[in-house]
Structures are given as C-alpha cells and as structure tokens.
Amino acid sequence: MFDNLSDRLEHSFKILKGEGKITDINVAETMKDIRRALLDADVNFKVAKDFTNRVKEKAMGMNVLTAVKPGQLMVKVVHDELAELMGGEDVPMHLEGHPAIILMSGLQGSGKTTFSGKLANLLKNKQHKNPLLVACDVYRPAAIDQLKVVGEQVGVPVYSESENKDVLVIADNGIKEAKAKSYDVVIIDTAGRLAVDEEMMAEISNLKNHVHPDETLFVVDSMTGQDAVNTAKEFNDRLDFDGVVLTKLDGDTRGGAALSIRTVVTKPIKFIGTGEKMEAIDVFHPARMADRILGMGDVVSLVERAQEQFDEEEAKKLQKKILKNKFDFNDFLNQIQQIKKMGNLKDLAGMIPGVGKAIRDVDIDDNAFKGVEAIIHSMTPKERSNPELLNTSRRRRIAKGSGTDIQEVNRLIKQFDQTCKMMKMVSGNKMAGMMSRMKGMNIPGMPKM
C-alpha cells in the first residue's frame, strides 16, 4: 500500500533545492508535485489543496540547520502534516458497558463479517476480553454460516437465530446470552447495505438506537478509493458512527481513502485490515502510517508484534541455553514458529527503515520456511537436541526424508552454527554490559564490585 505515493513524494523532495532557507521560489515546484502525488493517490482534491497550503505555510522561511538539507526539513514538515491529516492522535475504543457492545456497519462486500472475526480475535488474545459474536445479517445467503466459520477459526462463540428475521430481537437475545454467560463484549455483525437503500438504512439506524452500542464502526473497502470517503460521509450522516475500519490495505490500493476520510468525515480511523488471516488487523496509528508512507518503516509496530509473540521468561531461558552452548534445533524451530505468527513476512520486512523500497519487487513467499521445517522435522528427537551428531550419513537420510538434497541440509546446518555463534556473542555482550554497569555500585549486603 502507498508504494506509488511514497515514490512520488520522494521525487518531490528531490526537486527542492536551495540553501539556508526554504523560500517561495524553491518550494513552489515541490508543492505542485506533492499535490499531484496526492491526487494520483486518489486523495480528495480539497484535502490535497489544504494539505499543501499548510505544508507551505509551515515550511516557508524555516531556517535550515547546517547538517540538514532543505529536502530533509521538508520531509519532517510533510510527515507531521500527514500524521495530522490522518487524525494526529490514536483514538482507542471505549468499551465500558456490561457487556460492551460493538455494532458493525458498512456496504455490501466491504468485509464486515471477516473483520468482526478479526476484531474478536484481537480482543480475546491481546486485550484478554471474552467476546461473543451475534449474527444479525438475515438477508445474505450463508451469512450466518460464514460468521460461524469465522468464529470457529478464532475460538469465539456465535449467537444466531436462523429462522428469525427481526434483527432487534436477535440483538436483544444475543445481549441477554452474553449477560447470562459472562461475555464482556458483544460484536453485532449486520447486513451490508447501500446508502441509497432507505429501508435498510432505517433498519440499522433503529438497531443502533435500540441497543445503544459503546462503539459503532463503519467498515469500508479501501480499494474503492474516493468512493469509500463519499460512502462514509453518507453513512455518518445517518448513523453518527464512532470510527472507521479500512479493510484490504494490503491490496493494490492507492491509499487516498486513508488520507482523506478523517478530514471529510471528521471521525477517526480505528483499525486497518492488512491481509486475509485472522491476525491481519492493526490498530491505526497516524504517526506510524506517516512513517510508512515516507519510507521510514515502522519499527515501533514491529517491536510490538515481536513482544506479543515472545515470552519474557522463555527469552531468559533461551539466553541461558545460548550462553551454555545448549541452543538446539528444537529452539531454532520454535523461533521460526514465533516469527511466522508475527504476520506476513514482506509486511514485516517493510517495517524496517530503508528495507520496504528495496524489497518492493521481491516476492517473499510466506511458505519460505517450509523447506527448513521439513529438514528439521526429518531429524530424530535426539539429533534435534544434539546437532553435533549430524554426520554425513545422517545428513543423507535427513535430505531423503525431507525431499531435499544434502547441499540444502548442509547449508541449513551451517546457517544454524553461524546463528548460534552470533546469538552467543550478542548475549555475551549483553551480560558484559550489565556487569560493566554494575561496577562501582554499592549494593546492600554485597561487597562493592
């Protein structure tokens, strides 16, 4: 996402020339190019115009530090304005009811049902909630079955009444079910509707007034570009929703909806969908998205994903094994599994500053680890625990069992040995650093170090 916009903005910054100050003369062409880049990304015309006017007003006359070029200073101004354009501050959900109620709304085909499952999964695994999905799409064939499949994938129960067509009654009964069984969040999945369909719009408006949700979310397909913004405005006029969810941001989207929707609708973007997997959901952070657009990566999100998967106690145990030369293929395999849980490999690599552009045209297969896993699984438990046993005959057997050749097995073992050395060196340096910091400290009950 945003690849084309990132390239265009980078080109715009290269246009900027001049030393000492950003002046009206040397900034005019840059502003025109940035505006064209935004319009090409399907950003609303008025939003693009106001944006470049604000950037120009902030940048004009700013003193350029000796070590900072005018283009670099402009990147900072554009970054801050992009973040502000998308909302500035993060806006969390307010789930204060008992149970808290989340009402999903949106157009047909926008991805509400799938996103309902993703949201339930996020609330369950990251916020330690106990959610219940309620099926209130009584029109689309197999909609209830689809929600049940999604619920089963994430381990969240679904309340439904297949013969009932009254969504108010179904919602009421679903909330009663939640109260009776101590579910603390109810996610109501509704039917997709068109803004021009008065009967359907009246139904969801009545449903909102009836259940008084803590959060009403509008789910929109970012692939529809500027139409997504116009639709959001029409829905907001009727529903006064609390936040926007942008789905399919991993697709071939120009990103204009993400940049325009906050200004036009005056409602925050709260979540983005970044893939088909149930884990492919991110809380929306305007500043981090600005980082990505300008090719700065998103290290904070990368670290957060890693923290979600790596247990601190396990990390300590692993460090001890590394220092004692006890790191084995079981540990190696476990690390691979944890990395895979963090999400799409190309998306993860793109969060590293400077890497996103470099790998844009590189196809990184999510099954890249399959060959490695096959080789490790072809080892006996004793071999996985004692890598030093892997002589030539054992390696031939492992290659045959994993459907690979001995060169691949040798390559993996060599990489494993190099990884062990590197990890031991890093862990050793960390321990040495800790010891160094402790020198001179007066710890009660212990002699001075």
Protein backbone atom coordinates (compact mmCIF):
# COMPACT_ATOMS: atom_id res chain seq x y z
CA MET A 1 0.00 0.00 0.00
CA PHE A 2 1.05 3.61 -0.63
CA ASP A 3 4.01 2.42 -2.77
CA ASN A 4 3.28 4.81 -5.64
CA LEU A 5 2.60 7.71 -3.27
CA SER A 6 5.87 7.03 -1.43
CA ASP A 7 7.80 7.13 -4.71
CA ARG A 8 6.12 10.36 -5.81
CA LEU A 9 6.76 12.10 -2.51
CA GLU A 10 10.40 11.01 -2.57
CA HIS A 11 10.69 12.54 -6.04
CA SER A 12 9.05 15.74 -4.76
CA PHE A 13 11.64 16.14 -2.01
CA LYS A 14 14.47 15.73 -4.54
CA ILE A 15 13.09 18.68 -6.51
CA LEU A 16 13.61 21.00 -3.56
CA LYS A 17 16.79 23.00 -3.95
CA GLY A 18 18.37 25.98 -2.22
CA GLU A 19 20.46 26.52 0.82
CA GLY A 20 19.94 28.33 4.10
CA LYS A 21 16.15 28.73 3.86
CA ILE A 22 13.09 27.23 2.25
CA THR A 23 11.81 30.09 0.09
CA ASP A 24 8.71 30.75 -2.01
CA ILE A 25 10.76 30.21 -5.16
CA ASN A 26 12.39 26.90 -4.32
CA VAL A 27 9.27 25.39 -2.69
CA ALA A 28 6.65 26.17 -5.38
CA GLU A 29 7.53 23.28 -7.69
CA THR A 30 7.79 20.86 -4.75
CA MET A 31 4.30 21.78 -3.54
CA LYS A 32 2.85 21.29 -7.02
CA ASP A 33 4.45 17.87 -7.27
CA ILE A 34 3.26 16.83 -3.80
CA ARG A 35 -0.29 17.93 -4.68
CA ARG A 36 -0.17 15.91 -7.92
CA ALA A 37 1.13 12.90 -5.96
CA LEU A 38 -1.77 13.14 -3.51
CA LEU A 39 -4.34 13.49 -6.28
CA ASP A 40 -2.86 10.49 -8.10
CA ALA A 41 -3.25 8.55 -4.83
CA ASP A 42 -6.98 9.37 -5.02
CA VAL A 43 -6.92 11.91 -2.20
CA ASN A 44 -9.86 14.33 -2.14
CA PHE A 45 -8.97 17.49 -4.15
CA LYS A 46 -9.85 19.94 -1.37
CA VAL A 47 -7.94 17.84 1.18
CA ALA A 48 -4.86 17.77 -1.09
CA LYS A 49 -5.01 21.52 -1.68
CA ASP A 50 -5.44 22.38 2.01
CA PHE A 51 -2.64 19.95 2.91
CA THR A 52 -0.07 21.51 0.56
CA ASN A 53 -1.09 25.01 1.67
CA ARG A 54 -0.46 24.09 5.32
CA VAL A 55 2.88 22.47 4.49
CA LYS A 56 3.97 25.55 2.53
CA GLU A 57 2.87 27.90 5.30
CA LYS A 58 4.83 25.92 7.93
CA ALA A 59 7.91 25.44 5.78
CA MET A 60 8.27 29.00 4.44
CA GLY A 61 11.20 30.82 5.93
CA MET A 62 12.25 27.98 8.25
CA ASN A 63 15.97 28.13 8.95
CA VAL A 64 17.80 25.13 7.59
CA LEU A 65 20.37 23.76 10.02
CA THR A 66 23.89 23.27 8.74
CA ALA A 67 23.59 19.48 8.92
CA VAL A 68 20.06 19.37 7.48
CA LYS A 69 19.25 19.90 3.81
CA PRO A 70 16.05 21.73 2.76
CA GLY A 71 14.62 18.46 1.41
CA GLN A 72 15.16 16.74 4.75
CA LEU A 73 13.47 19.57 6.59
CA MET A 74 10.53 19.34 4.19
CA VAL A 75 10.23 15.61 4.93
CA LYS A 76 9.78 16.47 8.62
CA VAL A 77 7.08 19.07 7.86
CA VAL A 78 5.24 16.72 5.46
CA HIS A 79 5.47 13.85 7.97
CA ASP A 80 3.89 15.93 10.74
CA GLU A 81 1.12 17.17 8.45
CA LEU A 82 0.41 13.66 7.12
CA ALA A 83 0.02 12.40 10.68
CA GLU A 84 -2.29 15.32 11.49
CA LEU A 85 -4.26 14.73 8.28
CA MET A 86 -4.98 11.16 9.41
CA GLY A 87 -6.07 12.22 12.89
CA GLY A 88 -2.90 13.14 14.75
CA GLU A 89 -3.61 11.16 17.91
CA ASP A 90 -4.56 7.49 18.31
CA VAL A 91 -8.24 7.09 19.27
CA PRO A 92 -8.91 3.88 21.24
CA MET A 93 -12.25 2.12 21.53
CA HIS A 94 -14.38 2.85 24.59
CA LEU A 95 -15.78 -0.43 25.89
CA GLU A 96 -17.42 0.47 29.18
CA GLY A 97 -20.75 -1.39 29.01
CA HIS A 98 -21.53 -4.67 30.78
CA PRO A 99 -21.32 -6.20 28.26
CA ALA A 100 -19.74 -3.63 25.93
CA ILE A 101 -21.50 -3.59 22.55
CA ILE A 102 -19.82 -3.03 19.18
CA LEU A 103 -22.09 -2.51 16.17
CA MET A 104 -20.59 -3.18 12.74
CA SER A 105 -21.90 -1.29 9.68
CA GLY A 106 -20.87 -0.84 6.07
CA LEU A 107 -21.52 -1.54 2.42
CA GLN A 108 -22.10 -4.94 0.90
CA GLY A 109 -18.79 -6.72 0.32
CA SER A 110 -16.73 -4.38 2.50
CA GLY A 111 -15.54 -7.26 4.69
CA LYS A 112 -17.63 -6.73 7.85
CA THR A 113 -18.06 -10.39 8.72
CA THR A 114 -14.36 -11.23 8.33
CA PHE A 115 -13.38 -8.11 10.23
CA SER A 116 -15.82 -8.99 13.04
CA GLY A 117 -13.85 -12.23 13.49
CA LYS A 118 -10.52 -10.39 13.38
CA LEU A 119 -11.71 -7.89 15.98
CA ALA A 120 -13.00 -10.69 18.22
CA ASN A 121 -9.61 -12.41 17.88
CA LEU A 122 -7.75 -9.20 18.79
CA LEU A 123 -9.97 -8.52 21.81
CA LYS A 124 -9.63 -12.09 23.01
CA ASN A 125 -5.87 -12.56 22.59
CA LYS A 126 -4.44 -9.08 23.07
CA GLN A 127 -6.91 -7.39 25.41
CA HIS A 128 -7.96 -10.56 27.28
CA LYS A 129 -11.67 -9.99 26.68
CA ASN A 130 -14.33 -12.67 26.39
CA PRO A 131 -16.26 -11.73 23.22
CA LEU A 132 -19.47 -13.07 21.69
CA LEU A 133 -20.34 -12.66 18.01
CA VAL A 134 -24.01 -12.02 17.18
CA ALA A 135 -25.28 -12.77 13.65
CA CYS A 136 -27.69 -10.03 12.54
CA ASP A 137 -27.24 -10.39 8.79
CA VAL A 138 -30.54 -12.08 7.99
CA TYR A 139 -30.53 -11.31 4.25
CA ARG A 140 -27.33 -12.59 2.62
CA PRO A 141 -27.39 -16.34 1.91
CA ALA A 142 -24.98 -18.25 4.17
CA ALA A 143 -24.05 -15.07 6.11
CA ILE A 144 -24.74 -16.79 9.42
CA ASP A 145 -22.74 -19.85 8.35
CA GLN A 146 -19.83 -17.62 7.33
CA LEU A 147 -19.80 -15.91 10.74
CA LYS A 148 -19.86 -19.34 12.44
CA VAL A 149 -16.83 -20.44 10.37
CA VAL A 150 -15.00 -17.22 11.27
CA GLY A 151 -15.95 -17.65 14.94
CA GLU A 152 -14.66 -21.22 14.93
CA GLN A 153 -11.35 -20.06 13.41
CA VAL A 154 -10.72 -17.63 16.28
CA GLY A 155 -12.34 -19.70 19.03
CA VAL A 156 -15.19 -17.25 19.69
CA PRO A 157 -18.84 -18.43 20.01
CA VAL A 158 -21.56 -17.11 17.69
CA TYR A 159 -25.16 -16.38 18.72
CA SER A 160 -27.68 -16.78 15.87
CA GLU A 161 -31.35 -17.45 15.18
CA SER A 162 -31.57 -18.89 11.68
CA GLU A 163 -35.38 -18.69 11.43
CA ASN A 164 -35.76 -15.18 12.87
CA LYS A 165 -35.67 -12.13 10.57
CA ASP A 166 -36.15 -9.47 13.27
CA VAL A 167 -32.66 -8.05 13.91
CA LEU A 168 -33.80 -6.12 17.01
CA VAL A 169 -34.99 -9.31 18.69
CA ILE A 170 -31.86 -11.23 17.65
CA ALA A 171 -29.62 -8.46 19.04
CA ASP A 172 -31.62 -8.35 22.29
CA ASN A 173 -31.39 -12.10 22.74
CA GLY A 174 -27.67 -12.07 21.90
CA ILE A 175 -27.04 -9.46 24.59
CA LYS A 176 -29.08 -11.50 27.09
CA GLU A 177 -26.98 -14.55 26.19
CA ALA A 178 -23.81 -12.53 26.83
CA LYS A 179 -25.03 -11.40 30.24
CA ALA A 180 -26.12 -14.91 31.22
CA LYS A 181 -22.78 -16.48 30.22
CA SER A 182 -20.47 -13.61 31.32
CA TYR A 183 -19.27 -12.48 27.91
CA ASP A 184 -17.91 -8.96 28.34
CA VAL A 185 -18.03 -7.80 24.68
CA VAL A 186 -20.78 -8.32 22.09
CA ILE A 187 -19.89 -7.78 18.42
CA ILE A 188 -23.01 -7.42 16.27
CA ASP A 189 -22.41 -8.30 12.61
CA THR A 190 -25.05 -6.65 10.41
CA ALA A 191 -26.07 -6.95 6.78
CA GLY A 192 -24.30 -4.90 4.14
CA ARG A 193 -26.42 -2.11 2.76
CA LEU A 194 -26.34 0.74 0.25
CA ALA A 195 -26.61 4.34 1.46
CA VAL A 196 -29.42 4.85 -1.06
CA ASP A 197 -31.47 1.95 0.35
CA GLU A 198 -33.76 3.83 2.73
CA GLU A 199 -35.35 0.73 4.26
CA MET A 200 -32.01 -0.89 5.10
CA MET A 201 -30.53 2.37 6.39
CA ALA A 202 -33.58 2.84 8.62
CA GLU A 203 -33.10 -0.72 9.96
CA ILE A 204 -29.50 -0.20 11.12
CA SER A 205 -30.35 3.25 12.48
CA ASN A 206 -33.16 1.67 14.54
CA LEU A 207 -30.81 -1.11 15.65
CA LYS A 208 -28.28 1.42 16.90
CA ASN A 209 -30.93 3.38 18.80
CA HIS A 210 -32.26 0.12 20.25
CA VAL A 211 -29.03 -1.46 21.58
CA HIS A 212 -27.11 1.79 22.38
CA PRO A 213 -23.68 0.42 21.38
CA ASP A 214 -20.47 1.60 23.05
CA GLU A 215 -18.87 1.67 19.61
CA THR A 216 -20.37 1.86 16.13
CA LEU A 217 -17.75 1.05 13.50
CA PHE A 218 -18.07 1.73 9.79
CA VAL A 219 -16.17 -0.86 7.71
CA VAL A 220 -15.04 0.33 4.30
CA ASP A 221 -13.08 -1.31 1.49
CA SER A 222 -10.05 0.94 0.85
CA MET A 223 -9.82 -0.45 -2.70
CA THR A 224 -12.84 1.72 -3.61
CA GLY A 225 -10.73 4.87 -3.13
CA GLN A 226 -12.57 8.17 -3.07
CA ASP A 227 -15.94 6.37 -3.25
CA ALA A 228 -15.12 4.99 0.20
CA VAL A 229 -14.90 8.54 1.56
CA ASN A 230 -18.19 9.60 -0.04
CA THR A 231 -19.97 6.50 1.27
CA ALA A 232 -18.55 7.03 4.75
CA LYS A 233 -19.95 10.57 4.78
CA GLU A 234 -23.43 9.36 3.80
CA PHE A 235 -23.41 6.63 6.46
CA ASN A 236 -22.11 9.02 9.09
CA ASP A 237 -24.94 11.48 8.36
CA ARG A 238 -27.41 8.71 9.27
CA LEU A 239 -25.54 6.72 11.93
CA ASP A 240 -23.07 9.15 13.50
CA PHE A 241 -20.61 6.25 13.88
CA ASP A 242 -17.63 6.36 16.23
CA GLY A 243 -14.83 5.21 13.98
CA VAL A 244 -13.76 3.84 10.61
CA VAL A 245 -12.22 0.49 9.71
CA LEU A 246 -10.23 0.34 6.45
CA THR A 247 -10.01 -3.18 5.02
CA LYS A 248 -7.82 -4.55 2.20
CA LEU A 249 -4.99 -2.08 2.73
CA ASP A 250 -2.63 -4.88 1.67
CA GLY A 251 -4.11 -4.83 -1.82
CA ASP A 252 -3.41 -2.66 -4.85
CA THR A 253 -4.79 0.45 -3.22
CA ARG A 254 -3.54 3.99 -3.74
CA GLY A 255 -4.23 4.95 -0.13
CA GLY A 256 -6.38 8.01 -0.81
CA ALA A 257 -9.17 6.82 1.46
CA ALA A 258 -6.85 6.61 4.48
CA LEU A 259 -5.58 10.12 3.83
CA SER A 260 -8.95 11.76 3.09
CA ILE A 261 -11.51 10.05 5.27
CA ARG A 262 -10.54 11.63 8.60
CA THR A 263 -10.84 15.18 7.22
CA VAL A 264 -14.04 14.66 5.22
CA VAL A 265 -15.95 12.60 7.81
CA THR A 266 -14.29 14.04 10.96
CA LYS A 267 -14.27 10.56 12.50
CA PRO A 268 -11.07 8.66 13.40
CA ILE A 269 -9.72 5.59 11.65
CA LYS A 270 -9.50 2.99 14.41
CA PHE A 271 -8.40 -0.20 12.67
CA ILE A 272 -6.94 -1.38 9.38
CA GLY A 273 -7.14 -4.81 7.78
CA THR A 274 -3.84 -5.91 6.25
CA GLY A 275 -4.49 -9.41 4.93
CA GLU A 276 -6.78 -12.43 4.91
CA LYS A 277 -5.55 -14.12 8.07
CA MET A 278 -7.44 -13.58 11.31
CA GLU A 279 -4.32 -11.95 12.82
CA ALA A 280 -4.12 -9.43 9.95
CA ILE A 281 -5.57 -6.48 11.85
CA ASP A 282 -3.73 -3.44 13.17
CA VAL A 283 -4.77 -0.60 15.45
CA PHE A 284 -4.42 2.56 13.36
CA HIS A 285 -1.63 4.93 14.41
CA PRO A 286 -1.50 8.13 12.28
CA ALA A 287 2.17 8.91 13.01
CA ARG A 288 3.29 5.36 12.23
CA MET A 289 1.32 5.37 8.98
CA ALA A 290 3.03 8.64 8.03
CA ASP A 291 6.37 6.89 8.68
CA ARG A 292 5.42 4.10 6.29
CA ILE A 293 4.22 6.48 3.58
CA LEU A 294 7.53 8.35 3.68
CA GLY A 295 9.56 5.14 3.59
CA MET A 296 10.74 5.41 7.20
CA GLY A 297 9.48 1.97 8.18
CA ASP A 298 7.56 1.27 11.38
CA VAL A 299 9.93 -0.09 13.98
CA VAL A 300 7.51 0.50 16.87
CA SER A 301 4.84 -1.75 15.33
CA LEU A 302 7.48 -4.36 14.51
CA VAL A 303 8.67 -4.41 18.13
CA GLU A 304 5.07 -4.61 19.39
CA ARG A 305 4.38 -7.64 17.18
CA ALA A 306 7.56 -9.28 18.45
CA GLN A 307 6.62 -8.59 22.08
CA GLU A 308 3.22 -10.20 21.53
CA GLN A 309 4.87 -13.44 20.41
CA PHE A 310 7.98 -13.67 22.57
CA ASP A 311 7.52 -14.53 26.23
CA GLU A 312 9.98 -12.81 28.60
CA GLU A 313 10.51 -15.89 30.77
CA GLU A 314 11.10 -18.06 27.71
CA ALA A 315 13.57 -15.46 26.42
CA LYS A 316 15.54 -15.67 29.68
CA LYS A 317 15.65 -19.47 29.49
CA LEU A 318 16.75 -19.25 25.87
CA GLN A 319 19.55 -16.83 26.74
CA LYS A 320 20.87 -19.23 29.38
CA LYS A 321 20.86 -22.07 26.84
CA ILE A 322 22.75 -19.92 24.34
CA LEU A 323 25.43 -19.00 26.87
CA LYS A 324 25.86 -22.69 27.77
CA ASN A 325 26.02 -23.79 24.10
CA LYS A 326 22.74 -25.70 24.57
CA PHE A 327 20.75 -23.96 21.79
CA ASP A 328 19.45 -26.76 19.54
CA PHE A 329 17.18 -27.34 16.54
CA ASN A 330 14.10 -27.56 18.79
CA ASP A 331 14.77 -23.97 19.89
CA PHE A 332 15.53 -22.98 16.28
CA LEU A 333 12.21 -24.41 15.11
CA ASN A 334 10.36 -22.67 17.95
CA GLN A 335 11.83 -19.31 16.91
CA ILE A 336 10.64 -19.88 13.32
CA GLN A 337 7.09 -20.61 14.55
CA GLN A 338 7.05 -17.40 16.57
CA ILE A 339 8.29 -15.32 13.62
CA LYS A 340 5.56 -16.81 11.41
CA LYS A 341 2.91 -15.77 13.95
CA MET A 342 4.03 -12.14 13.66
CA GLY A 343 2.41 -11.85 10.22
CA ASN A 344 3.20 -11.55 6.52
CA LEU A 345 6.99 -11.72 6.00
CA LYS A 346 7.09 -8.97 3.37
CA ASP A 347 4.98 -6.72 5.56
CA LEU A 348 7.34 -7.34 8.49
CA ALA A 349 10.41 -6.59 6.39
CA GLY A 350 8.74 -3.40 5.14
CA MET A 351 8.59 -2.13 8.73
CA ILE A 352 12.38 -1.95 8.83
CA PRO A 353 13.55 1.54 7.74
CA GLY A 354 15.01 1.50 4.23
CA VAL A 355 14.02 -2.10 3.52
CA GLY A 356 10.46 -1.57 2.23
CA LYS A 357 11.50 0.04 -1.04
CA ALA A 358 14.39 -2.37 -1.59
CA ILE A 359 12.12 -5.45 -1.45
CA ARG A 360 9.09 -3.93 -3.20
CA ASP A 361 9.52 -6.03 -6.35
CA VAL A 362 10.82 -9.08 -4.49
CA ASP A 363 8.36 -11.92 -3.97
CA ILE A 364 8.71 -13.10 -0.37
CA ASP A 365 6.69 -16.29 -0.01
CA ASP A 366 5.02 -16.86 3.36
CA ASN A 367 5.97 -20.53 2.87
CA ALA A 368 9.68 -19.62 2.76
CA PHE A 369 10.29 -21.61 5.97
CA LYS A 370 8.69 -24.82 4.69
CA GLY A 371 11.94 -26.37 3.45
CA VAL A 372 13.72 -25.57 6.72
CA GLU A 373 10.87 -27.02 8.76
CA ALA A 374 10.82 -30.17 6.62
CA ILE A 375 14.55 -30.73 7.21
CA ILE A 376 14.26 -30.23 10.98
CA HIS A 377 11.18 -32.49 11.21
CA SER A 378 13.15 -35.21 9.37
CA MET A 379 15.68 -35.29 12.20
CA THR A 380 15.21 -37.65 15.13
CA PRO A 381 14.45 -36.06 18.53
CA LYS A 382 17.99 -37.00 19.60
CA GLU A 383 19.50 -35.27 16.55
CA ARG A 384 17.44 -32.12 17.09
CA SER A 385 18.66 -31.94 20.69
CA ASN A 386 22.29 -32.79 19.78
CA PRO A 387 23.23 -31.14 16.45
CA GLU A 388 26.83 -32.37 16.79
CA LEU A 389 25.55 -35.92 15.93
CA LEU A 390 24.71 -34.88 12.36
CA ASN A 391 27.40 -36.72 10.40
CA THR A 392 27.35 -37.31 6.64
CA SER A 393 25.22 -40.48 6.70
CA ARG A 394 22.62 -38.86 8.96
CA ARG A 395 22.52 -35.81 6.70
CA ARG A 396 21.86 -38.02 3.64
CA ARG A 397 18.98 -39.70 5.46
CA ILE A 398 17.52 -36.30 6.52
CA ALA A 399 17.79 -34.98 2.93
CA LYS A 400 15.92 -38.02 1.61
CA GLY A 401 13.26 -37.78 4.33
CA SER A 402 12.63 -34.07 3.75
CA GLY A 403 12.56 -34.22 -0.05
CA THR A 404 15.64 -32.01 -0.32
CA ASP A 405 19.27 -32.64 -1.23
CA ILE A 406 22.32 -32.90 1.03
CA GLN A 407 23.56 -29.47 -0.07
CA GLU A 408 20.41 -27.87 1.40
CA VAL A 409 20.83 -29.82 4.64
CA ASN A 410 24.48 -28.77 4.85
CA ARG A 411 23.52 -25.16 4.17
CA LEU A 412 20.92 -25.17 6.96
CA ILE A 413 23.34 -26.71 9.47
CA LYS A 414 25.98 -24.12 8.54
CA GLN A 415 23.44 -21.30 9.00
CA PHE A 416 22.40 -22.83 12.32
CA ASP A 417 26.04 -22.89 13.52
CA GLN A 418 26.52 -19.26 12.43
CA THR A 419 23.29 -18.26 14.19
CA CYS A 420 24.45 -19.94 17.41
CA LYS A 421 27.78 -18.09 17.33
CA MET A 422 26.11 -14.76 16.64
CA MET A 423 23.48 -15.25 19.36
CA LYS A 424 26.13 -16.25 21.89
CA MET A 425 28.19 -13.18 21.00
CA VAL A 426 25.17 -10.86 21.36
CA SER A 427 24.11 -12.47 24.65
CA GLY A 428 27.68 -12.35 25.95
CA ASN A 429 28.00 -8.66 25.12
CA LYS A 430 24.72 -8.01 26.86
CA MET A 431 25.95 -9.77 30.00
CA ALA A 432 29.29 -7.91 29.81
CA GLY A 433 27.41 -4.63 29.50
CA MET A 434 25.35 -5.43 32.57
CA MET A 435 28.46 -6.33 34.55
CA SER A 436 30.14 -3.11 33.44
CA ARG A 437 27.18 -1.01 34.57
CA MET A 438 27.19 -2.78 37.95
CA LYS A 439 30.82 -1.86 38.62
CA GLY A 440 31.08 0.72 41.36
CA MET A 441 27.50 0.13 42.52
CA ASN A 442 27.04 -0.18 46.28
CA ILE A 443 24.53 -3.00 46.64
CA PRO A 444 23.36 -3.58 50.25
CA GLY A 445 24.58 -6.89 51.63
CA MET A 446 27.16 -7.36 48.87
CA PRO A 447 30.80 -6.27 48.56
CA LYS A 448 31.45 -3.38 46.19
CA MET A 449 32.23 -4.64 42.66
